[in-house]
Amino acid sequence: MIESKRLLIRPILNEDAKAVFAYRSDAITNQYQGWIPKNLSEVDEFIAKNPKSINQTDSWFQLVMIEKESDELIGDIGLHFIDEHQVELGCTLSKEVHKLGYATESLQRVISFLFETLDKHRITSSIDPLNKPSIDLVERLGFRKEAHFKESLLIDGQWVDDIIYAVLKKEWNV
């Protein structure tokens, strides 16, 4: 478990399904996400696919954020262990807690864990160029833009651009 001032960050569990569905199924808030569940069984399947342990090459590992004060699940962080040295990450928050600093706080702790505990070399994030809040977030965290791929992802039958941001362990200052 990873802890910050206001959050507990832990692996997703079966009992988290309803809370995850509540914020992940909001198609408007999550318009830039690659996955928006249509029903609770999709979330159950998503949780069942989570590896039993973190840091397995070529896997996605899902963490959830629990607000300490309320004991509410408020969001999740996906970690894609590309290879033994690189991780891609993504973050989804309930719209009720947007703009309260939870994404910055949780990602600072998770990125520090990836660099310091798991000894990763490079962390990336793939972002839709229209998703200004996520771009602002990763830039605030010290990521730099590395690439802009034109119409490289097919999402719901539409080709969209993709921007890649990254930070190296030697660049991490938090």
N, C-alpha and C. Protein backbone atom coordinates (compact mmCIF):
# COMPACT_ATOMS: atom_id res chain seq x y z
N MET A 1 0.84 -1.19 0.00
CA MET A 1 0.00 0.00 0.00
C MET A 1 0.88 1.25 0.00
N ILE A 2 0.48 2.23 -0.77
CA ILE A 2 1.16 3.52 -0.85
C ILE A 2 0.28 4.53 -0.14
N GLU A 3 0.89 5.42 0.59
CA GLU A 3 0.12 6.40 1.36
C GLU A 3 0.63 7.80 1.07
N SER A 4 -0.31 8.74 1.02
CA SER A 4 0.03 10.16 0.93
C SER A 4 -0.68 10.86 2.08
N LYS A 5 -0.62 12.15 2.11
CA LYS A 5 -1.25 12.90 3.20
C LYS A 5 -2.74 12.61 3.32
N ARG A 6 -3.45 12.59 2.18
CA ARG A 6 -4.90 12.43 2.21
C ARG A 6 -5.41 11.10 1.65
N LEU A 7 -4.51 10.28 1.11
CA LEU A 7 -4.94 9.10 0.38
C LEU A 7 -4.23 7.81 0.78
N LEU A 8 -4.97 6.72 0.64
CA LEU A 8 -4.40 5.38 0.65
C LEU A 8 -4.50 4.88 -0.78
N ILE A 9 -3.44 4.34 -1.32
CA ILE A 9 -3.41 3.86 -2.69
C ILE A 9 -3.08 2.37 -2.63
N ARG A 10 -4.01 1.54 -3.10
CA ARG A 10 -3.85 0.10 -2.97
C ARG A 10 -4.36 -0.60 -4.23
N PRO A 11 -4.03 -1.90 -4.39
CA PRO A 11 -4.56 -2.64 -5.54
C PRO A 11 -6.09 -2.69 -5.53
N ILE A 12 -6.66 -2.70 -6.71
CA ILE A 12 -8.11 -2.80 -6.84
C ILE A 12 -8.59 -4.16 -6.33
N LEU A 13 -9.76 -4.19 -5.71
CA LEU A 13 -10.34 -5.41 -5.16
C LEU A 13 -11.73 -5.64 -5.74
N ASN A 14 -12.22 -6.87 -5.68
CA ASN A 14 -13.56 -7.19 -6.18
C ASN A 14 -14.64 -6.29 -5.57
N GLU A 15 -14.50 -6.00 -4.29
CA GLU A 15 -15.52 -5.18 -3.62
C GLU A 15 -15.51 -3.71 -4.04
N ASP A 16 -14.56 -3.32 -4.89
CA ASP A 16 -14.49 -1.95 -5.40
C ASP A 16 -15.35 -1.74 -6.64
N ALA A 17 -15.93 -2.79 -7.18
CA ALA A 17 -16.61 -2.73 -8.48
C ALA A 17 -17.68 -1.65 -8.56
N LYS A 18 -18.57 -1.56 -7.58
CA LYS A 18 -19.66 -0.58 -7.64
C LYS A 18 -19.13 0.85 -7.62
N ALA A 19 -18.15 1.11 -6.77
CA ALA A 19 -17.58 2.46 -6.68
C ALA A 19 -16.86 2.83 -7.98
N VAL A 20 -16.12 1.89 -8.54
CA VAL A 20 -15.40 2.14 -9.80
C VAL A 20 -16.42 2.39 -10.92
N PHE A 21 -17.46 1.58 -10.98
CA PHE A 21 -18.48 1.76 -12.01
C PHE A 21 -19.14 3.14 -11.89
N ALA A 22 -19.36 3.59 -10.66
CA ALA A 22 -20.05 4.87 -10.44
C ALA A 22 -19.34 6.04 -11.14
N TYR A 23 -18.02 6.09 -11.09
CA TYR A 23 -17.34 7.21 -11.74
C TYR A 23 -16.81 6.87 -13.14
N ARG A 24 -16.46 5.62 -13.39
CA ARG A 24 -15.91 5.24 -14.69
C ARG A 24 -16.98 5.19 -15.79
N SER A 25 -18.25 4.99 -15.43
CA SER A 25 -19.31 4.88 -16.42
C SER A 25 -19.82 6.24 -16.91
N ASP A 26 -19.32 7.31 -16.34
CA ASP A 26 -19.71 8.67 -16.72
C ASP A 26 -19.00 9.03 -18.04
N ALA A 27 -19.71 8.84 -19.17
CA ALA A 27 -19.10 9.01 -20.49
C ALA A 27 -18.68 10.45 -20.78
N ILE A 28 -19.33 11.42 -20.19
CA ILE A 28 -18.97 12.82 -20.44
C ILE A 28 -17.68 13.18 -19.70
N THR A 29 -17.63 12.88 -18.42
CA THR A 29 -16.42 13.17 -17.64
C THR A 29 -15.23 12.39 -18.16
N ASN A 30 -15.45 11.17 -18.61
CA ASN A 30 -14.36 10.29 -19.04
C ASN A 30 -14.22 10.20 -20.55
N GLN A 31 -14.58 11.28 -21.23
CA GLN A 31 -14.59 11.26 -22.70
C GLN A 31 -13.23 10.94 -23.32
N TYR A 32 -12.14 11.14 -22.60
CA TYR A 32 -10.81 10.86 -23.15
C TYR A 32 -10.26 9.51 -22.70
N GLN A 33 -11.04 8.75 -21.97
CA GLN A 33 -10.61 7.44 -21.50
C GLN A 33 -10.82 6.40 -22.59
N GLY A 34 -9.99 5.40 -22.61
CA GLY A 34 -10.12 4.31 -23.57
C GLY A 34 -11.15 3.29 -23.17
N TRP A 35 -11.56 3.31 -21.90
CA TRP A 35 -12.53 2.32 -21.40
C TRP A 35 -13.59 3.01 -20.54
N ILE A 36 -14.85 2.89 -20.97
CA ILE A 36 -15.99 3.38 -20.21
C ILE A 36 -16.96 2.22 -20.08
N PRO A 37 -17.07 1.62 -18.89
CA PRO A 37 -17.92 0.44 -18.74
C PRO A 37 -19.40 0.78 -18.91
N LYS A 38 -20.10 -0.15 -19.55
CA LYS A 38 -21.55 0.02 -19.78
C LYS A 38 -22.38 -0.62 -18.67
N ASN A 39 -21.77 -1.58 -17.94
CA ASN A 39 -22.50 -2.24 -16.86
C ASN A 39 -21.51 -2.76 -15.82
N LEU A 40 -22.03 -3.16 -14.69
CA LEU A 40 -21.20 -3.61 -13.57
C LEU A 40 -20.39 -4.86 -13.91
N SER A 41 -20.93 -5.73 -14.74
CA SER A 41 -20.20 -6.96 -15.08
C SER A 41 -18.91 -6.65 -15.84
N GLU A 42 -18.89 -5.56 -16.61
CA GLU A 42 -17.66 -5.16 -17.30
C GLU A 42 -16.58 -4.76 -16.28
N VAL A 43 -16.99 -4.13 -15.20
CA VAL A 43 -16.05 -3.75 -14.15
C VAL A 43 -15.55 -5.00 -13.43
N ASP A 44 -16.44 -5.95 -13.17
CA ASP A 44 -16.04 -7.21 -12.55
C ASP A 44 -14.98 -7.91 -13.40
N GLU A 45 -15.19 -7.94 -14.71
CA GLU A 45 -14.22 -8.56 -15.63
C GLU A 45 -12.89 -7.81 -15.61
N PHE A 46 -12.98 -6.48 -15.59
CA PHE A 46 -11.79 -5.63 -15.54
C PHE A 46 -10.97 -5.94 -14.28
N ILE A 47 -11.63 -6.03 -13.14
CA ILE A 47 -10.95 -6.33 -11.87
C ILE A 47 -10.36 -7.73 -11.89
N ALA A 48 -11.08 -8.68 -12.45
CA ALA A 48 -10.61 -10.07 -12.50
C ALA A 48 -9.32 -10.20 -13.32
N LYS A 49 -9.13 -9.32 -14.29
CA LYS A 49 -7.93 -9.35 -15.13
C LYS A 49 -6.70 -8.75 -14.45
N ASN A 50 -6.90 -8.06 -13.34
CA ASN A 50 -5.76 -7.42 -12.66
C ASN A 50 -4.80 -8.51 -12.18
N PRO A 51 -3.52 -8.38 -12.51
CA PRO A 51 -2.55 -9.39 -12.05
C PRO A 51 -2.54 -9.50 -10.53
N LYS A 52 -2.13 -10.64 -10.04
CA LYS A 52 -2.08 -10.88 -8.59
C LYS A 52 -0.96 -10.09 -7.93
N SER A 53 0.06 -9.73 -8.70
CA SER A 53 1.15 -8.94 -8.13
C SER A 53 1.58 -7.84 -9.10
N ILE A 54 2.12 -6.80 -8.54
CA ILE A 54 2.57 -5.65 -9.31
C ILE A 54 3.91 -5.96 -9.98
N ASN A 55 4.22 -5.21 -11.05
CA ASN A 55 5.53 -5.23 -11.69
C ASN A 55 5.73 -6.44 -12.60
N GLN A 56 4.68 -6.88 -13.26
CA GLN A 56 4.80 -7.97 -14.24
C GLN A 56 4.86 -7.38 -15.64
N THR A 57 5.95 -7.64 -16.35
CA THR A 57 6.15 -7.11 -17.69
C THR A 57 4.95 -7.41 -18.59
N ASP A 58 4.62 -6.43 -19.42
CA ASP A 58 3.53 -6.51 -20.39
C ASP A 58 2.16 -6.74 -19.73
N SER A 59 1.95 -6.09 -18.58
CA SER A 59 0.65 -6.18 -17.91
C SER A 59 0.22 -4.81 -17.43
N TRP A 60 -1.09 -4.66 -17.25
CA TRP A 60 -1.65 -3.47 -16.61
C TRP A 60 -2.00 -3.85 -15.18
N PHE A 61 -1.59 -3.02 -14.23
CA PHE A 61 -1.92 -3.25 -12.83
C PHE A 61 -2.71 -2.05 -12.34
N GLN A 62 -3.87 -2.31 -11.76
CA GLN A 62 -4.77 -1.23 -11.36
C GLN A 62 -4.72 -0.98 -9.86
N LEU A 63 -4.52 0.28 -9.51
CA LEU A 63 -4.57 0.74 -8.12
C LEU A 63 -5.80 1.62 -7.95
N VAL A 64 -6.31 1.72 -6.73
CA VAL A 64 -7.40 2.65 -6.44
C VAL A 64 -6.95 3.62 -5.36
N MET A 65 -7.57 4.80 -5.38
CA MET A 65 -7.30 5.85 -4.40
C MET A 65 -8.46 5.90 -3.41
N ILE A 66 -8.14 5.82 -2.15
CA ILE A 66 -9.13 5.91 -1.09
C ILE A 66 -8.86 7.18 -0.29
N GLU A 67 -9.85 8.06 -0.24
CA GLU A 67 -9.70 9.27 0.56
C GLU A 67 -9.74 8.87 2.04
N LYS A 68 -8.70 9.20 2.79
CA LYS A 68 -8.60 8.77 4.18
C LYS A 68 -9.76 9.29 5.04
N GLU A 69 -10.05 10.57 4.91
CA GLU A 69 -11.05 11.20 5.78
C GLU A 69 -12.44 10.55 5.63
N SER A 70 -12.85 10.29 4.39
CA SER A 70 -14.20 9.75 4.15
C SER A 70 -14.21 8.23 3.96
N ASP A 71 -13.05 7.64 3.74
CA ASP A 71 -12.91 6.22 3.41
C ASP A 71 -13.62 5.88 2.09
N GLU A 72 -13.73 6.88 1.20
CA GLU A 72 -14.39 6.71 -0.10
C GLU A 72 -13.36 6.42 -1.19
N LEU A 73 -13.70 5.52 -2.11
CA LEU A 73 -12.89 5.28 -3.29
C LEU A 73 -13.18 6.41 -4.27
N ILE A 74 -12.16 7.16 -4.66
CA ILE A 74 -12.38 8.35 -5.48
C ILE A 74 -11.74 8.28 -6.86
N GLY A 75 -10.96 7.24 -7.13
CA GLY A 75 -10.34 7.15 -8.44
C GLY A 75 -9.40 5.97 -8.54
N ASP A 76 -8.78 5.87 -9.72
CA ASP A 76 -7.85 4.76 -9.93
C ASP A 76 -6.66 5.20 -10.76
N ILE A 77 -5.61 4.42 -10.67
CA ILE A 77 -4.38 4.64 -11.43
C ILE A 77 -4.02 3.32 -12.10
N GLY A 78 -3.87 3.35 -13.42
CA GLY A 78 -3.44 2.17 -14.16
C GLY A 78 -1.95 2.25 -14.44
N LEU A 79 -1.26 1.14 -14.20
CA LEU A 79 0.17 1.05 -14.45
C LEU A 79 0.42 -0.04 -15.49
N HIS A 80 0.94 0.35 -16.64
CA HIS A 80 1.27 -0.60 -17.70
C HIS A 80 2.77 -0.84 -17.64
N PHE A 81 3.15 -2.03 -17.20
CA PHE A 81 4.56 -2.40 -17.10
C PHE A 81 5.02 -2.87 -18.48
N ILE A 82 5.50 -1.92 -19.26
CA ILE A 82 5.88 -2.15 -20.66
C ILE A 82 7.00 -3.18 -20.75
N ASP A 83 8.03 -2.98 -19.97
CA ASP A 83 9.15 -3.91 -19.86
C ASP A 83 9.72 -3.75 -18.46
N GLU A 84 10.88 -4.28 -18.19
CA GLU A 84 11.38 -4.21 -16.82
C GLU A 84 11.86 -2.82 -16.41
N HIS A 85 11.96 -1.89 -17.37
CA HIS A 85 12.49 -0.56 -17.07
C HIS A 85 11.49 0.58 -17.26
N GLN A 86 10.39 0.32 -17.97
CA GLN A 86 9.47 1.40 -18.33
C GLN A 86 8.03 1.09 -17.93
N VAL A 87 7.34 2.16 -17.50
CA VAL A 87 5.94 2.05 -17.08
C VAL A 87 5.16 3.19 -17.72
N GLU A 88 3.98 2.86 -18.23
CA GLU A 88 3.03 3.87 -18.68
C GLU A 88 1.97 3.99 -17.60
N LEU A 89 1.53 5.21 -17.31
CA LEU A 89 0.50 5.36 -16.30
C LEU A 89 -0.65 6.21 -16.78
N GLY A 90 -1.79 5.98 -16.16
CA GLY A 90 -2.98 6.76 -16.43
C GLY A 90 -3.79 6.90 -15.15
N CYS A 91 -4.62 7.92 -15.09
CA CYS A 91 -5.34 8.23 -13.86
C CYS A 91 -6.78 8.61 -14.20
N THR A 92 -7.72 8.12 -13.41
CA THR A 92 -9.13 8.48 -13.55
C THR A 92 -9.68 8.85 -12.18
N LEU A 93 -10.35 9.99 -12.11
CA LEU A 93 -10.93 10.46 -10.85
C LEU A 93 -12.43 10.68 -10.98
N SER A 94 -13.13 10.47 -9.90
CA SER A 94 -14.54 10.81 -9.83
C SER A 94 -14.68 12.32 -10.04
N LYS A 95 -15.67 12.75 -10.82
CA LYS A 95 -15.81 14.18 -11.10
C LYS A 95 -16.05 15.00 -9.82
N GLU A 96 -16.56 14.36 -8.77
CA GLU A 96 -16.80 15.08 -7.51
C GLU A 96 -15.51 15.57 -6.85
N VAL A 97 -14.38 14.99 -7.23
CA VAL A 97 -13.11 15.40 -6.60
C VAL A 97 -12.12 16.02 -7.58
N HIS A 98 -12.61 16.38 -8.76
CA HIS A 98 -11.73 17.07 -9.72
C HIS A 98 -11.27 18.41 -9.13
N LYS A 99 -10.09 18.82 -9.49
CA LYS A 99 -9.51 20.11 -9.12
C LYS A 99 -9.27 20.28 -7.62
N LEU A 100 -9.09 19.16 -6.90
CA LEU A 100 -8.80 19.23 -5.47
C LEU A 100 -7.38 18.75 -5.15
N GLY A 101 -6.59 18.47 -6.20
CA GLY A 101 -5.20 18.07 -6.02
C GLY A 101 -4.96 16.59 -5.78
N TYR A 102 -6.01 15.78 -5.85
CA TYR A 102 -5.84 14.35 -5.59
C TYR A 102 -5.00 13.65 -6.66
N ALA A 103 -5.18 14.02 -7.92
CA ALA A 103 -4.40 13.39 -8.99
C ALA A 103 -2.92 13.69 -8.81
N THR A 104 -2.59 14.94 -8.56
CA THR A 104 -1.19 15.33 -8.35
C THR A 104 -0.61 14.60 -7.15
N GLU A 105 -1.33 14.62 -6.06
CA GLU A 105 -0.86 13.98 -4.81
C GLU A 105 -0.63 12.49 -4.99
N SER A 106 -1.60 11.81 -5.60
CA SER A 106 -1.48 10.35 -5.76
C SER A 106 -0.38 9.99 -6.76
N LEU A 107 -0.32 10.70 -7.87
CA LEU A 107 0.69 10.37 -8.88
C LEU A 107 2.11 10.68 -8.39
N GLN A 108 2.28 11.73 -7.61
CA GLN A 108 3.61 11.99 -7.03
C GLN A 108 4.08 10.79 -6.22
N ARG A 109 3.20 10.25 -5.40
CA ARG A 109 3.58 9.11 -4.55
C ARG A 109 3.81 7.85 -5.38
N VAL A 110 2.95 7.60 -6.37
CA VAL A 110 3.09 6.40 -7.19
C VAL A 110 4.35 6.48 -8.05
N ILE A 111 4.62 7.64 -8.63
CA ILE A 111 5.83 7.79 -9.45
C ILE A 111 7.07 7.63 -8.59
N SER A 112 7.08 8.20 -7.40
CA SER A 112 8.21 8.01 -6.49
C SER A 112 8.39 6.53 -6.16
N PHE A 113 7.30 5.81 -5.92
CA PHE A 113 7.36 4.38 -5.66
C PHE A 113 7.96 3.63 -6.85
N LEU A 114 7.52 3.98 -8.05
CA LEU A 114 8.03 3.30 -9.25
C LEU A 114 9.53 3.53 -9.43
N PHE A 115 9.98 4.75 -9.20
CA PHE A 115 11.41 5.05 -9.35
C PHE A 115 12.24 4.52 -8.18
N GLU A 116 11.80 4.77 -6.97
CA GLU A 116 12.61 4.47 -5.80
C GLU A 116 12.53 3.00 -5.36
N THR A 117 11.34 2.43 -5.37
CA THR A 117 11.17 1.05 -4.89
C THR A 117 11.33 0.03 -6.01
N LEU A 118 10.72 0.30 -7.16
CA LEU A 118 10.79 -0.66 -8.27
C LEU A 118 11.93 -0.37 -9.24
N ASP A 119 12.66 0.73 -9.01
CA ASP A 119 13.85 1.08 -9.78
C ASP A 119 13.58 1.19 -11.29
N LYS A 120 12.47 1.81 -11.65
CA LYS A 120 12.15 2.02 -13.06
C LYS A 120 13.01 3.16 -13.61
N HIS A 121 13.22 3.12 -14.92
CA HIS A 121 14.05 4.12 -15.59
C HIS A 121 13.23 5.25 -16.20
N ARG A 122 12.04 4.92 -16.74
CA ARG A 122 11.25 5.90 -17.50
C ARG A 122 9.77 5.62 -17.29
N ILE A 123 9.01 6.70 -17.11
CA ILE A 123 7.56 6.62 -16.95
C ILE A 123 6.92 7.50 -18.01
N THR A 124 5.92 6.95 -18.69
CA THR A 124 5.25 7.68 -19.76
C THR A 124 3.76 7.81 -19.48
N SER A 125 3.13 8.70 -20.24
CA SER A 125 1.68 8.85 -20.20
C SER A 125 1.20 9.18 -21.60
N SER A 126 0.16 8.50 -22.03
CA SER A 126 -0.45 8.70 -23.35
C SER A 126 -1.72 9.53 -23.15
N ILE A 127 -1.80 10.68 -23.82
CA ILE A 127 -2.89 11.63 -23.56
C ILE A 127 -3.49 12.14 -24.86
N ASP A 128 -4.80 12.25 -24.91
CA ASP A 128 -5.47 12.89 -26.03
C ASP A 128 -5.11 14.37 -25.99
N PRO A 129 -4.67 14.96 -27.11
CA PRO A 129 -4.27 16.37 -27.09
C PRO A 129 -5.38 17.34 -26.71
N LEU A 130 -6.63 16.91 -26.75
CA LEU A 130 -7.74 17.77 -26.34
C LEU A 130 -7.96 17.74 -24.82
N ASN A 131 -7.27 16.81 -24.14
CA ASN A 131 -7.45 16.64 -22.70
C ASN A 131 -6.48 17.57 -21.94
N LYS A 132 -6.82 18.85 -21.94
CA LYS A 132 -5.96 19.88 -21.34
C LYS A 132 -5.69 19.65 -19.85
N PRO A 133 -6.69 19.25 -19.04
CA PRO A 133 -6.39 19.01 -17.62
C PRO A 133 -5.32 17.93 -17.41
N SER A 134 -5.33 16.87 -18.20
CA SER A 134 -4.32 15.82 -18.04
C SER A 134 -2.95 16.30 -18.51
N ILE A 135 -2.92 17.07 -19.57
CA ILE A 135 -1.65 17.64 -20.03
C ILE A 135 -1.07 18.55 -18.95
N ASP A 136 -1.91 19.42 -18.38
CA ASP A 136 -1.45 20.30 -17.30
C ASP A 136 -0.93 19.49 -16.11
N LEU A 137 -1.62 18.39 -15.79
CA LEU A 137 -1.22 17.54 -14.67
C LEU A 137 0.17 16.96 -14.89
N VAL A 138 0.41 16.31 -16.02
CA VAL A 138 1.72 15.69 -16.22
C VAL A 138 2.83 16.73 -16.34
N GLU A 139 2.53 17.87 -16.92
CA GLU A 139 3.54 18.93 -16.99
C GLU A 139 3.87 19.45 -15.59
N ARG A 140 2.86 19.57 -14.74
CA ARG A 140 3.07 19.99 -13.35
C ARG A 140 3.96 18.98 -12.62
N LEU A 141 3.84 17.71 -12.98
CA LEU A 141 4.63 16.66 -12.35
C LEU A 141 6.05 16.56 -12.92
N GLY A 142 6.35 17.35 -13.95
CA GLY A 142 7.71 17.36 -14.50
C GLY A 142 7.89 16.51 -15.74
N PHE A 143 6.80 15.99 -16.31
CA PHE A 143 6.91 15.24 -17.56
C PHE A 143 7.16 16.21 -18.70
N ARG A 144 7.81 15.72 -19.75
CA ARG A 144 8.02 16.53 -20.95
C ARG A 144 7.35 15.84 -22.13
N LYS A 145 6.90 16.63 -23.08
CA LYS A 145 6.26 16.09 -24.28
C LYS A 145 7.34 15.47 -25.16
N GLU A 146 7.12 14.22 -25.57
CA GLU A 146 8.09 13.53 -26.42
C GLU A 146 7.58 13.32 -27.84
N ALA A 147 6.27 13.17 -28.02
CA ALA A 147 5.75 12.87 -29.35
C ALA A 147 4.29 13.27 -29.47
N HIS A 148 3.90 13.55 -30.69
CA HIS A 148 2.49 13.80 -31.02
C HIS A 148 2.19 12.95 -32.25
N PHE A 149 1.41 11.90 -32.05
CA PHE A 149 1.06 10.99 -33.13
C PHE A 149 -0.30 11.39 -33.69
N LYS A 150 -0.36 11.61 -34.98
CA LYS A 150 -1.59 12.02 -35.65
C LYS A 150 -2.46 10.80 -35.95
N GLU A 151 -3.74 10.89 -35.54
CA GLU A 151 -4.74 9.86 -35.81
C GLU A 151 -4.17 8.45 -35.64
N SER A 152 -3.57 8.21 -34.48
CA SER A 152 -2.89 6.93 -34.23
C SER A 152 -3.71 5.93 -33.41
N LEU A 153 -4.82 6.38 -32.83
CA LEU A 153 -5.66 5.50 -32.03
C LEU A 153 -7.07 5.51 -32.58
N LEU A 154 -7.67 4.32 -32.71
CA LEU A 154 -9.05 4.19 -33.14
C LEU A 154 -9.90 3.96 -31.89
N ILE A 155 -10.68 4.96 -31.51
CA ILE A 155 -11.53 4.88 -30.32
C ILE A 155 -12.97 5.12 -30.74
N ASP A 156 -13.81 4.14 -30.48
CA ASP A 156 -15.23 4.20 -30.84
C ASP A 156 -15.43 4.59 -32.31
N GLY A 157 -14.64 3.98 -33.18
CA GLY A 157 -14.78 4.21 -34.61
C GLY A 157 -14.22 5.51 -35.12
N GLN A 158 -13.52 6.25 -34.27
CA GLN A 158 -12.96 7.55 -34.68
C GLN A 158 -11.45 7.55 -34.44
N TRP A 159 -10.70 8.01 -35.44
CA TRP A 159 -9.25 8.12 -35.30
C TRP A 159 -8.92 9.40 -34.53
N VAL A 160 -8.13 9.25 -33.47
CA VAL A 160 -7.75 10.40 -32.63
C VAL A 160 -6.24 10.48 -32.50
N ASP A 161 -5.76 11.67 -32.22
CA ASP A 161 -4.34 11.91 -31.98
C ASP A 161 -3.95 11.42 -30.59
N ASP A 162 -2.66 11.25 -30.39
CA ASP A 162 -2.12 10.78 -29.12
C ASP A 162 -0.82 11.53 -28.83
N ILE A 163 -0.72 12.09 -27.64
CA ILE A 163 0.51 12.75 -27.22
C ILE A 163 1.17 11.89 -26.15
N ILE A 164 2.48 11.73 -26.26
CA ILE A 164 3.24 10.97 -25.28
C ILE A 164 4.08 11.93 -24.45
N TYR A 165 3.92 11.84 -23.14
CA TYR A 165 4.73 12.58 -22.19
C TYR A 165 5.57 11.57 -21.41
N ALA A 166 6.74 11.99 -20.93
CA ALA A 166 7.58 11.07 -20.16
C ALA A 166 8.46 11.83 -19.18
N VAL A 167 8.94 11.07 -18.20
CA VAL A 167 9.92 11.58 -17.23
C VAL A 167 10.89 10.43 -16.94
N LEU A 168 12.15 10.76 -16.85
CA LEU A 168 13.19 9.77 -16.51
C LEU A 168 13.47 9.83 -15.01
N LYS A 169 13.95 8.72 -14.48
CA LYS A 169 14.28 8.66 -13.04
C LYS A 169 15.24 9.80 -12.66
N LYS A 170 16.24 10.05 -13.48
CA LYS A 170 17.23 11.09 -13.15
C LYS A 170 16.64 12.51 -13.22
N GLU A 171 15.46 12.65 -13.84
CA GLU A 171 14.79 13.95 -13.93
C GLU A 171 13.78 14.18 -12.80
N TRP A 172 13.44 13.11 -12.09
CA TRP A 172 12.37 13.18 -11.08
C TRP A 172 12.86 13.95 -9.86
N ASN A 173 12.15 15.02 -9.49
CA ASN A 173 12.59 15.91 -8.41
C ASN A 173 11.68 15.96 -7.20
N VAL A 174 10.63 15.13 -7.15
CA VAL A 174 9.67 15.27 -6.05
C VAL A 174 10.10 14.50 -4.83
